[in-house]
Amino acid sequence: MVSLIAGIILIAFTVFSLLPSCPLNWGVDVLAFLRGSLPVIAALIGLICLFIGAADIKDKKEAAKEEKEARDRESKEEKKD
């Protein structure tokens, strides 16, 4: 409950600080920060996507290997019968 209230307060402060009619009027500064940090954010997102893709490929290979082992076990069991 406390985190919900804190989240609402922080969102309200963000809206208040970005509005041009309010005394803080940080909208221009926030846009400049976002423009400057966009390449770094894009690089981090790309790096995360690479890690997720590599993990997905690894999981698919392991799943195929397990399926093959299961089929081999089944075929060996059928031959024994």
C-alpha atoms as a PDB file:
ATOM      1  CA  MET A   1       0.000   0.000   0.000  1.00  0.00           C
ATOM      2  CA  VAL A   2       2.845   2.338   0.836  1.00  0.00           C
ATOM      3  CA  SER A   3       4.488   1.737  -2.537  1.00  0.00           C
ATOM      4  CA  LEU A   4       1.202   2.464  -4.303  1.00  0.00           C
ATOM      5  CA  ILE A   5       0.856   5.784  -2.504  1.00  0.00           C
ATOM      6  CA  ALA A   6       4.508   6.636  -3.162  1.00  0.00           C
ATOM      7  CA  GLY A   7       4.036   5.824  -6.850  1.00  0.00           C
ATOM      8  CA  ILE A   8       0.988   8.083  -7.108  1.00  0.00           C
ATOM      9  CA  ILE A   9       2.839  10.912  -5.362  1.00  0.00           C
ATOM     10  CA  LEU A  10       5.865  10.564  -7.653  1.00  0.00           C
ATOM     11  CA  ILE A  11       3.699  10.511 -10.777  1.00  0.00           C
ATOM     12  CA  ALA A  12       1.849  13.599  -9.564  1.00  0.00           C
ATOM     13  CA  PHE A  13       5.172  15.359  -8.915  1.00  0.00           C
ATOM     14  CA  THR A  14       6.389  14.414 -12.393  1.00  0.00           C
ATOM     15  CA  VAL A  15       3.282  15.843 -14.029  1.00  0.00           C
ATOM     16  CA  PHE A  16       3.506  18.969 -11.851  1.00  0.00           C
ATOM     17  CA  SER A  17       7.166  19.546 -12.675  1.00  0.00           C
ATOM     18  CA  LEU A  18       6.679  19.103 -16.438  1.00  0.00           C
ATOM     19  CA  LEU A  19       3.703  21.396 -16.904  1.00  0.00           C
ATOM     20  CA  PRO A  20       4.646  24.755 -18.429  1.00  0.00           C
ATOM     21  CA  SER A  21       2.229  26.676 -16.212  1.00  0.00           C
ATOM     22  CA  CYS A  22       3.827  25.398 -12.983  1.00  0.00           C
ATOM     23  CA  PRO A  23       6.750  27.133 -11.286  1.00  0.00           C
ATOM     24  CA  LEU A  24       9.271  24.342 -11.952  1.00  0.00           C
ATOM     25  CA  ASN A  25       8.699  24.108 -15.722  1.00  0.00           C
ATOM     26  CA  TRP A  26      11.271  21.333 -16.238  1.00  0.00           C
ATOM     27  CA  GLY A  27       9.752  20.130 -19.504  1.00  0.00           C
ATOM     28  CA  VAL A  28      12.551  21.473 -21.716  1.00  0.00           C
ATOM     29  CA  ASP A  29      15.246  20.034 -19.434  1.00  0.00           C
ATOM     30  CA  VAL A  30      13.572  16.617 -19.368  1.00  0.00           C
ATOM     31  CA  LEU A  31      13.355  16.557 -23.170  1.00  0.00           C
ATOM     32  CA  ALA A  32      17.047  17.482 -23.448  1.00  0.00           C
ATOM     33  CA  PHE A  33      17.931  14.689 -21.010  1.00  0.00           C
ATOM     34  CA  LEU A  34      15.835  12.167 -22.937  1.00  0.00           C
ATOM     35  CA  ARG A  35      17.423  13.190 -26.229  1.00  0.00           C
ATOM     36  CA  GLY A  36      20.892  12.796 -24.739  1.00  0.00           C
ATOM     37  CA  SER A  37      20.202   9.462 -23.085  1.00  0.00           C
ATOM     38  CA  LEU A  38      18.368   7.886 -26.022  1.00  0.00           C
ATOM     39  CA  PRO A  39      21.482   6.308 -27.624  1.00  0.00           C
ATOM     40  CA  VAL A  40      22.532   4.784 -24.304  1.00  0.00           C
ATOM     41  CA  ILE A  41      19.039   3.431 -23.654  1.00  0.00           C
ATOM     42  CA  ALA A  42      18.899   1.998 -27.186  1.00  0.00           C
ATOM     43  CA  ALA A  43      22.267   0.282 -26.678  1.00  0.00           C
ATOM     44  CA  LEU A  44      21.156  -1.231 -23.368  1.00  0.00           C
ATOM     45  CA  ILE A  45      17.896  -2.482 -24.856  1.00  0.00           C
ATOM     46  CA  GLY A  46      19.820  -3.975 -27.781  1.00  0.00           C
ATOM     47  CA  LEU A  47      22.207  -5.727 -25.385  1.00  0.00           C
ATOM     48  CA  ILE A  48      19.300  -7.153 -23.396  1.00  0.00           C
ATOM     49  CA  CYS A  49      17.691  -8.375 -26.639  1.00  0.00           C
ATOM     50  CA  LEU A  50      20.946 -10.121 -27.604  1.00  0.00           C
ATOM     51  CA  PHE A  51      21.104 -11.899 -24.248  1.00  0.00           C
ATOM     52  CA  ILE A  52      17.465 -12.962 -24.498  1.00  0.00           C
ATOM     53  CA  GLY A  53      17.976 -14.220 -28.055  1.00  0.00           C
ATOM     54  CA  ALA A  54      21.069 -16.215 -27.087  1.00  0.00           C
ATOM     55  CA  ALA A  55      19.250 -17.762 -24.131  1.00  0.00           C
ATOM     56  CA  ASP A  56      16.311 -18.645 -26.369  1.00  0.00           C
ATOM     57  CA  ILE A  57      18.556 -20.389 -28.892  1.00  0.00           C
ATOM     58  CA  LYS A  58      20.271 -22.282 -26.086  1.00  0.00           C
ATOM     59  CA  ASP A  59      16.902 -23.358 -24.624  1.00  0.00           C
ATOM     60  CA  LYS A  60      15.678 -24.554 -28.024  1.00  0.00           C
ATOM     61  CA  LYS A  61      18.820 -26.656 -28.511  1.00  0.00           C
ATOM     62  CA  GLU A  62      18.422 -28.198 -25.056  1.00  0.00           C
ATOM     63  CA  ALA A  63      14.741 -28.942 -25.700  1.00  0.00           C
ATOM     64  CA  ALA A  64      15.571 -30.627 -29.006  1.00  0.00           C
ATOM     65  CA  LYS A  65      18.286 -32.678 -27.310  1.00  0.00           C
ATOM     66  CA  GLU A  66      15.883 -33.767 -24.560  1.00  0.00           C
ATOM     67  CA  GLU A  67      13.225 -34.711 -27.113  1.00  0.00           C
ATOM     68  CA  LYS A  68      15.746 -36.791 -29.039  1.00  0.00           C
ATOM     69  CA  GLU A  69      16.836 -38.558 -25.845  1.00  0.00           C
ATOM     70  CA  ALA A  70      13.200 -39.272 -24.960  1.00  0.00           C
ATOM     71  CA  ARG A  71      12.558 -40.719 -28.424  1.00  0.00           C
ATOM     72  CA  ASP A  72      15.692 -42.855 -28.149  1.00  0.00           C
ATOM     73  CA  ARG A  73      14.575 -44.180 -24.757  1.00  0.00           C
ATOM     74  CA  GLU A  74      11.118 -44.985 -26.135  1.00  0.00           C
ATOM     75  CA  SER A  75      12.552 -46.802 -29.129  1.00  0.00           C
ATOM     76  CA  LYS A  76      14.873 -48.823 -26.881  1.00  0.00           C
ATOM     77  CA  GLU A  77      11.958 -49.755 -24.635  1.00  0.00           C
ATOM     78  CA  GLU A  78       9.912 -50.867 -27.648  1.00  0.00           C
ATOM     79  CA  LYS A  79      12.783 -53.022 -28.898  1.00  0.00           C
ATOM     80  CA  LYS A  80      13.064 -54.727 -25.499  1.00  0.00           C
ATOM     81  CA  ASP A  81       9.375 -55.654 -25.547  1.00  0.00           C
END
